[in-house]
């Protein structure tokens, strides 16, 4: 099992989230759109609403690289 940060929850991002969930990975998903975040809450480990281009936001999530 891996811990994966998934940025963007459009059609492709949601599909990736579903597949990673099926494989048993821990997925943290990030998107600026609250509706998209709410739509994946049942298939990801954690989901956050925010701007993934903001370094301070990513650091607050624990992303260092």
PDB file of N, CA and C in Angstrom:
ATOM      1  N   UNK A   1       0.839  -1.174   0.000  1.00  0.00           N
ATOM      2  CA  UNK A   1       0.000   0.000   0.000  1.00  0.00           C
ATOM      3  C   UNK A   1       0.887   1.241   0.000  1.00  0.00           C
ATOM      4  N   UNK A   2       0.511   2.207  -0.819  1.00  0.00           N
ATOM      5  CA  UNK A   2       1.238   3.469  -0.906  1.00  0.00           C
ATOM      6  C   UNK A   2       0.317   4.615  -0.494  1.00  0.00           C
ATOM      7  N   UNK A   3       0.927   5.702  -0.060  1.00  0.00           N
ATOM      8  CA  UNK A   3       0.192   6.930   0.218  1.00  0.00           C
ATOM      9  C   UNK A   3       0.394   7.861  -0.968  1.00  0.00           C
ATOM     10  N   UNK A   4      -0.709   8.301  -1.563  1.00  0.00           N
ATOM     11  CA  UNK A   4      -0.646   9.051  -2.806  1.00  0.00           C
ATOM     12  C   UNK A   4      -1.421  10.354  -2.668  1.00  0.00           C
ATOM     13  N   UNK A   5      -0.830  11.445  -3.154  1.00  0.00           N
ATOM     14  CA  UNK A   5      -1.507  12.732  -3.230  1.00  0.00           C
ATOM     15  C   UNK A   5      -2.023  12.887  -4.650  1.00  0.00           C
ATOM     16  N   UNK A   6      -3.314  13.056  -4.788  1.00  0.00           N
ATOM     17  CA  UNK A   6      -3.945  13.220  -6.093  1.00  0.00           C
ATOM     18  C   UNK A   6      -4.451  14.652  -6.196  1.00  0.00           C
ATOM     19  N   UNK A   7      -3.908  15.389  -7.144  1.00  0.00           N
ATOM     20  CA  UNK A   7      -4.281  16.789  -7.325  1.00  0.00           C
ATOM     21  C   UNK A   7      -5.176  16.903  -8.550  1.00  0.00           C
ATOM     22  N   UNK A   8      -6.381  17.375  -8.327  1.00  0.00           N
ATOM     23  CA  UNK A   8      -7.354  17.557  -9.410  1.00  0.00           C
ATOM     24  C   UNK A   8      -8.337  16.402  -9.456  1.00  0.00           C
ATOM     25  N   UNK A   9      -9.620  16.732  -9.384  1.00  0.00           N
ATOM     26  CA  UNK A   9     -10.652  15.705  -9.335  1.00  0.00           C
ATOM     27  C   UNK A   9     -11.675  15.863 -10.451  1.00  0.00           C
ATOM     28  N   UNK A  10     -11.183  16.206 -11.628  1.00  0.00           N
ATOM     29  CA  UNK A  10     -12.054  16.211 -12.804  1.00  0.00           C
ATOM     30  C   UNK A  10     -12.364  14.769 -13.175  1.00  0.00           C
ATOM     31  N   UNK A  11     -12.807  14.535 -14.388  1.00  0.00           N
ATOM     32  CA  UNK A  11     -13.150  13.161 -14.802  1.00  0.00           C
ATOM     33  C   UNK A  11     -11.962  12.219 -14.668  1.00  0.00           C
ATOM     34  N   UNK A  12     -10.804  12.657 -15.138  1.00  0.00           N
ATOM     35  CA  UNK A  12      -9.612  11.810 -15.076  1.00  0.00           C
ATOM     36  C   UNK A  12      -9.179  11.588 -13.629  1.00  0.00           C
ATOM     37  N   UNK A  13      -9.133  12.662 -12.836  1.00  0.00           N
ATOM     38  CA  UNK A  13      -8.724  12.546 -11.437  1.00  0.00           C
ATOM     39  C   UNK A  13      -9.634  11.644 -10.640  1.00  0.00           C
ATOM     40  N   UNK A  14     -10.940  11.753 -10.865  1.00  0.00           N
ATOM     41  CA  UNK A  14     -11.886  10.887 -10.164  1.00  0.00           C
ATOM     42  C   UNK A  14     -11.668   9.423 -10.558  1.00  0.00           C
ATOM     43  N   UNK A  15     -11.446   9.178 -11.830  1.00  0.00           N
ATOM     44  CA  UNK A  15     -11.185   7.814 -12.295  1.00  0.00           C
ATOM     45  C   UNK A  15      -9.929   7.253 -11.629  1.00  0.00           C
ATOM     46  N   UNK A  16      -8.882   8.052 -11.568  1.00  0.00           N
ATOM     47  CA  UNK A  16      -7.641   7.619 -10.924  1.00  0.00           C
ATOM     48  C   UNK A  16      -7.887   7.325  -9.444  1.00  0.00           C
ATOM     49  N   UNK A  17      -8.664   8.178  -8.772  1.00  0.00           N
ATOM     50  CA  UNK A  17      -8.987   7.962  -7.363  1.00  0.00           C
ATOM     51  C   UNK A  17      -9.694   6.626  -7.170  1.00  0.00           C
ATOM     52  N   UNK A  18     -10.638   6.323  -8.040  1.00  0.00           N
ATOM     53  CA  UNK A  18     -11.371   5.056  -7.950  1.00  0.00           C
ATOM     54  C   UNK A  18     -10.445   3.866  -8.143  1.00  0.00           C
ATOM     55  N   UNK A  19      -9.573   3.946  -9.130  1.00  0.00           N
ATOM     56  CA  UNK A  19      -8.658   2.834  -9.405  1.00  0.00           C
ATOM     57  C   UNK A  19      -7.647   2.637  -8.272  1.00  0.00           C
ATOM     58  N   UNK A  20      -7.110   3.731  -7.751  1.00  0.00           N
ATOM     59  CA  UNK A  20      -6.159   3.625  -6.638  1.00  0.00           C
ATOM     60  C   UNK A  20      -6.840   3.044  -5.397  1.00  0.00           C
ATOM     61  N   UNK A  21      -8.093   3.407  -5.184  1.00  0.00           N
ATOM     62  CA  UNK A  21      -8.861   2.855  -4.072  1.00  0.00           C
ATOM     63  C   UNK A  21      -9.035   1.353  -4.236  1.00  0.00           C
ATOM     64  N   UNK A  22      -9.367   0.912  -5.438  1.00  0.00           N
ATOM     65  CA  UNK A  22      -9.533  -0.520  -5.717  1.00  0.00           C
ATOM     66  C   UNK A  22      -8.240  -1.292  -5.446  1.00  0.00           C
ATOM     67  N   UNK A  23      -7.107  -0.631  -5.688  1.00  0.00           N
ATOM     68  CA  UNK A  23      -5.809  -1.273  -5.465  1.00  0.00           C
ATOM     69  C   UNK A  23      -5.387  -1.230  -4.000  1.00  0.00           C
ATOM     70  N   UNK A  24      -6.167  -0.551  -3.157  1.00  0.00           N
ATOM     71  CA  UNK A  24      -5.895  -0.533  -1.732  1.00  0.00           C
ATOM     72  C   UNK A  24      -4.934   0.545  -1.261  1.00  0.00           C
ATOM     73  N   UNK A  25      -4.707   1.557  -2.078  1.00  0.00           N
ATOM     74  CA  UNK A  25      -3.795   2.627  -1.698  1.00  0.00           C
ATOM     75  C   UNK A  25      -4.517   3.698  -0.867  1.00  0.00           C
ATOM     76  N   UNK A  26      -3.756   4.392  -0.026  1.00  0.00           N
ATOM     77  CA  UNK A  26      -4.274   5.540   0.710  1.00  0.00           C
ATOM     78  C   UNK A  26      -4.165   6.747  -0.210  1.00  0.00           C
ATOM     79  N   UNK A  27      -5.285   7.426  -0.441  1.00  0.00           N
ATOM     80  CA  UNK A  27      -5.306   8.545  -1.379  1.00  0.00           C
ATOM     81  C   UNK A  27      -5.782   9.809  -0.669  1.00  0.00           C
ATOM     82  N   UNK A  28      -4.958  10.863  -0.758  1.00  0.00           N
ATOM     83  CA  UNK A  28      -5.381  12.189  -0.335  1.00  0.00           C
ATOM     84  C   UNK A  28      -5.662  12.966  -1.615  1.00  0.00           C
ATOM     85  N   UNK A  29      -6.886  13.454  -1.757  1.00  0.00           N
ATOM     86  CA  UNK A  29      -7.292  14.160  -2.961  1.00  0.00           C
ATOM     87  C   UNK A  29      -7.466  15.648  -2.662  1.00  0.00           C
ATOM     88  N   UNK A  30      -7.061  16.479  -3.622  1.00  0.00           N
ATOM     89  CA  UNK A  30      -7.143  17.936  -3.467  1.00  0.00           C
ATOM     90  C   UNK A  30      -7.756  18.533  -4.728  1.00  0.00           C
ATOM     91  N   UNK A  31      -8.697  19.439  -4.521  1.00  0.00           N
ATOM     92  CA  UNK A  31      -9.277  20.189  -5.629  1.00  0.00           C
ATOM     93  C   UNK A  31      -9.845  21.495  -5.071  1.00  0.00           C
ATOM     94  N   UNK A  32      -9.940  22.500  -5.903  1.00  0.00           N
ATOM     95  CA  UNK A  32     -10.509  23.776  -5.479  1.00  0.00           C
ATOM     96  C   UNK A  32     -12.033  23.729  -5.447  1.00  0.00           C
ATOM     97  N   UNK A  33     -12.622  22.790  -6.167  1.00  0.00           N
ATOM     98  CA  UNK A  33     -14.066  22.697  -6.312  1.00  0.00           C
ATOM     99  C   UNK A  33     -14.652  21.816  -5.204  1.00  0.00           C
ATOM    100  N   UNK A  34     -15.466  22.421  -4.345  1.00  0.00           N
ATOM    101  CA  UNK A  34     -16.034  21.698  -3.206  1.00  0.00           C
ATOM    102  C   UNK A  34     -16.921  20.532  -3.639  1.00  0.00           C
ATOM    103  N   UNK A  35     -17.680  20.697  -4.712  1.00  0.00           N
ATOM    104  CA  UNK A  35     -18.551  19.623  -5.192  1.00  0.00           C
ATOM    105  C   UNK A  35     -17.747  18.405  -5.612  1.00  0.00           C
ATOM    106  N   UNK A  36     -16.630  18.625  -6.293  1.00  0.00           N
ATOM    107  CA  UNK A  36     -15.775  17.507  -6.713  1.00  0.00           C
ATOM    108  C   UNK A  36     -15.180  16.785  -5.508  1.00  0.00           C
ATOM    109  N   UNK A  37     -14.761  17.562  -4.514  1.00  0.00           N
ATOM    110  CA  UNK A  37     -14.199  16.969  -3.299  1.00  0.00           C
ATOM    111  C   UNK A  37     -15.260  16.134  -2.588  1.00  0.00           C
ATOM    112  N   UNK A  38     -16.442  16.679  -2.444  1.00  0.00           N
ATOM    113  CA  UNK A  38     -17.516  15.950  -1.775  1.00  0.00           C
ATOM    114  C   UNK A  38     -17.891  14.666  -2.512  1.00  0.00           C
ATOM    115  N   UNK A  39     -17.767  14.679  -3.835  1.00  0.00           N
ATOM    116  CA  UNK A  39     -18.138  13.519  -4.639  1.00  0.00           C
ATOM    117  C   UNK A  39     -17.198  12.325  -4.444  1.00  0.00           C
ATOM    118  N   UNK A  40     -15.971  12.557  -3.967  1.00  0.00           N
ATOM    119  CA  UNK A  40     -15.012  11.452  -3.815  1.00  0.00           C
ATOM    120  C   UNK A  40     -14.759  11.070  -2.355  1.00  0.00           C
ATOM    121  N   UNK A  41     -15.462  11.701  -1.429  1.00  0.00           N
ATOM    122  CA  UNK A  41     -15.211  11.438  -0.009  1.00  0.00           C
ATOM    123  C   UNK A  41     -15.335   9.962   0.352  1.00  0.00           C
ATOM    124  N   UNK A  42     -16.207   9.236  -0.316  1.00  0.00           N
ATOM    125  CA  UNK A  42     -16.391   7.825   0.013  1.00  0.00           C
ATOM    126  C   UNK A  42     -15.367   6.898  -0.627  1.00  0.00           C
ATOM    127  N   UNK A  43     -14.509   7.415  -1.514  1.00  0.00           N
ATOM    128  CA  UNK A  43     -13.537   6.541  -2.173  1.00  0.00           C
ATOM    129  C   UNK A  43     -12.083   6.908  -1.883  1.00  0.00           C
ATOM    130  N   UNK A  44     -11.853   7.993  -1.163  1.00  0.00           N
ATOM    131  CA  UNK A  44     -10.481   8.377  -0.819  1.00  0.00           C
ATOM    132  C   UNK A  44     -10.313   8.378   0.694  1.00  0.00           C
ATOM    133  N   UNK A  45      -9.062   8.336   1.132  1.00  0.00           N
ATOM    134  CA  UNK A  45      -8.758   8.359   2.557  1.00  0.00           C
ATOM    135  C   UNK A  45      -9.009   9.732   3.155  1.00  0.00           C
ATOM    136  N   UNK A  46      -8.658  10.766   2.395  1.00  0.00           N
ATOM    137  CA  UNK A  46      -8.780  12.141   2.858  1.00  0.00           C
ATOM    138  C   UNK A  46      -8.974  13.027   1.635  1.00  0.00           C
ATOM    139  N   UNK A  47      -9.793  14.066   1.775  1.00  0.00           N
ATOM    140  CA  UNK A  47      -9.993  15.006   0.676  1.00  0.00           C
ATOM    141  C   UNK A  47      -9.998  16.421   1.234  1.00  0.00           C
ATOM    142  N   UNK A  48      -9.342  17.322   0.515  1.00  0.00           N
ATOM    143  CA  UNK A  48      -9.221  18.709   0.963  1.00  0.00           C
ATOM    144  C   UNK A  48      -9.599  19.650  -0.169  1.00  0.00           C
ATOM    145  N   UNK A  49     -10.233  20.757   0.202  1.00  0.00           N
ATOM    146  CA  UNK A  49     -10.548  21.812  -0.746  1.00  0.00           C
ATOM    147  C   UNK A  49      -9.442  22.847  -0.642  1.00  0.00           C
ATOM    148  N   UNK A  50      -8.794  23.150  -1.772  1.00  0.00           N
ATOM    149  CA  UNK A  50      -7.737  24.141  -1.725  1.00  0.00           C
ATOM    150  C   UNK A  50      -7.021  24.296  -3.043  1.00  0.00           C
ATOM    151  N   UNK A  51      -6.136  25.270  -3.076  1.00  0.00           N
ATOM    152  CA  UNK A  51      -5.359  25.619  -4.259  1.00  0.00           C
ATOM    153  C   UNK A  51      -4.029  24.867  -4.230  1.00  0.00           C
ATOM    154  N   UNK A  52      -3.903  23.882  -5.085  1.00  0.00           N
ATOM    155  CA  UNK A  52      -2.693  23.058  -5.095  1.00  0.00           C
ATOM    156  C   UNK A  52      -1.473  23.785  -5.654  1.00  0.00           C
ATOM    157  N   UNK A  53      -1.658  24.998  -6.184  1.00  0.00           N
ATOM    158  CA  UNK A  53      -0.509  25.772  -6.657  1.00  0.00           C
ATOM    159  C   UNK A  53       0.073  26.634  -5.544  1.00  0.00           C
ATOM    160  N   UNK A  54      -0.571  26.619  -4.381  1.00  0.00           N
ATOM    161  CA  UNK A  54      -0.128  27.402  -3.239  1.00  0.00           C
ATOM    162  C   UNK A  54       0.784  26.543  -2.361  1.00  0.00           C
ATOM    163  N   UNK A  55       2.053  26.902  -2.293  1.00  0.00           N
ATOM    164  CA  UNK A  55       3.035  26.115  -1.541  1.00  0.00           C
ATOM    165  C   UNK A  55       2.683  26.017  -0.065  1.00  0.00           C
ATOM    166  N   UNK A  56       2.165  27.077   0.512  1.00  0.00           N
ATOM    167  CA  UNK A  56       1.793  27.056   1.930  1.00  0.00           C
ATOM    168  C   UNK A  56       0.660  26.074   2.187  1.00  0.00           C
ATOM    169  N   UNK A  57      -0.300  26.004   1.273  1.00  0.00           N
ATOM    170  CA  UNK A  57      -1.400  25.047   1.398  1.00  0.00           C
ATOM    171  C   UNK A  57      -0.871  23.614   1.372  1.00  0.00           C
ATOM    172  N   UNK A  58       0.015  23.330   0.423  1.00  0.00           N
ATOM    173  CA  UNK A  58       0.579  21.980   0.315  1.00  0.00           C
ATOM    174  C   UNK A  58       1.413  21.624   1.546  1.00  0.00           C
ATOM    175  N   UNK A  59       2.170  22.570   2.061  1.00  0.00           N
ATOM    176  CA  UNK A  59       2.960  22.325   3.272  1.00  0.00           C
ATOM    177  C   UNK A  59       2.039  22.036   4.458  1.00  0.00           C
ATOM    178  N   UNK A  60       0.889  22.714   4.521  1.00  0.00           N
ATOM    179  CA  UNK A  60      -0.073  22.474   5.599  1.00  0.00           C
ATOM    180  C   UNK A  60      -0.631  21.054   5.531  1.00  0.00           C
ATOM    181  N   UNK A  61      -0.654  20.476   4.325  1.00  0.00           N
ATOM    182  CA  UNK A  61      -1.114  19.092   4.158  1.00  0.00           C
ATOM    183  C   UNK A  61      -0.020  18.092   4.500  1.00  0.00           C
ATOM    184  N   UNK A  62       1.191  18.569   4.649  1.00  0.00           N
ATOM    185  CA  UNK A  62       2.302  17.687   4.945  1.00  0.00           C
ATOM    186  C   UNK A  62       3.140  17.318   3.741  1.00  0.00           C
ATOM    187  N   UNK A  63       2.880  17.979   2.616  1.00  0.00           N
ATOM    188  CA  UNK A  63       3.653  17.727   1.389  1.00  0.00           C
ATOM    189  C   UNK A  63       4.936  18.539   1.466  1.00  0.00           C
ATOM    190  N   UNK A  64       6.048  17.864   1.339  1.00  0.00           N
ATOM    191  CA  UNK A  64       7.330  18.558   1.489  1.00  0.00           C
ATOM    192  C   UNK A  64       8.053  18.757   0.162  1.00  0.00           C
ATOM    193  N   UNK A  65       7.807  17.910  -0.819  1.00  0.00           N
ATOM    194  CA  UNK A  65       8.511  18.008  -2.116  1.00  0.00           C
ATOM    195  C   UNK A  65       7.552  18.419  -3.203  1.00  0.00           C
TER     196      UNK A  65
END
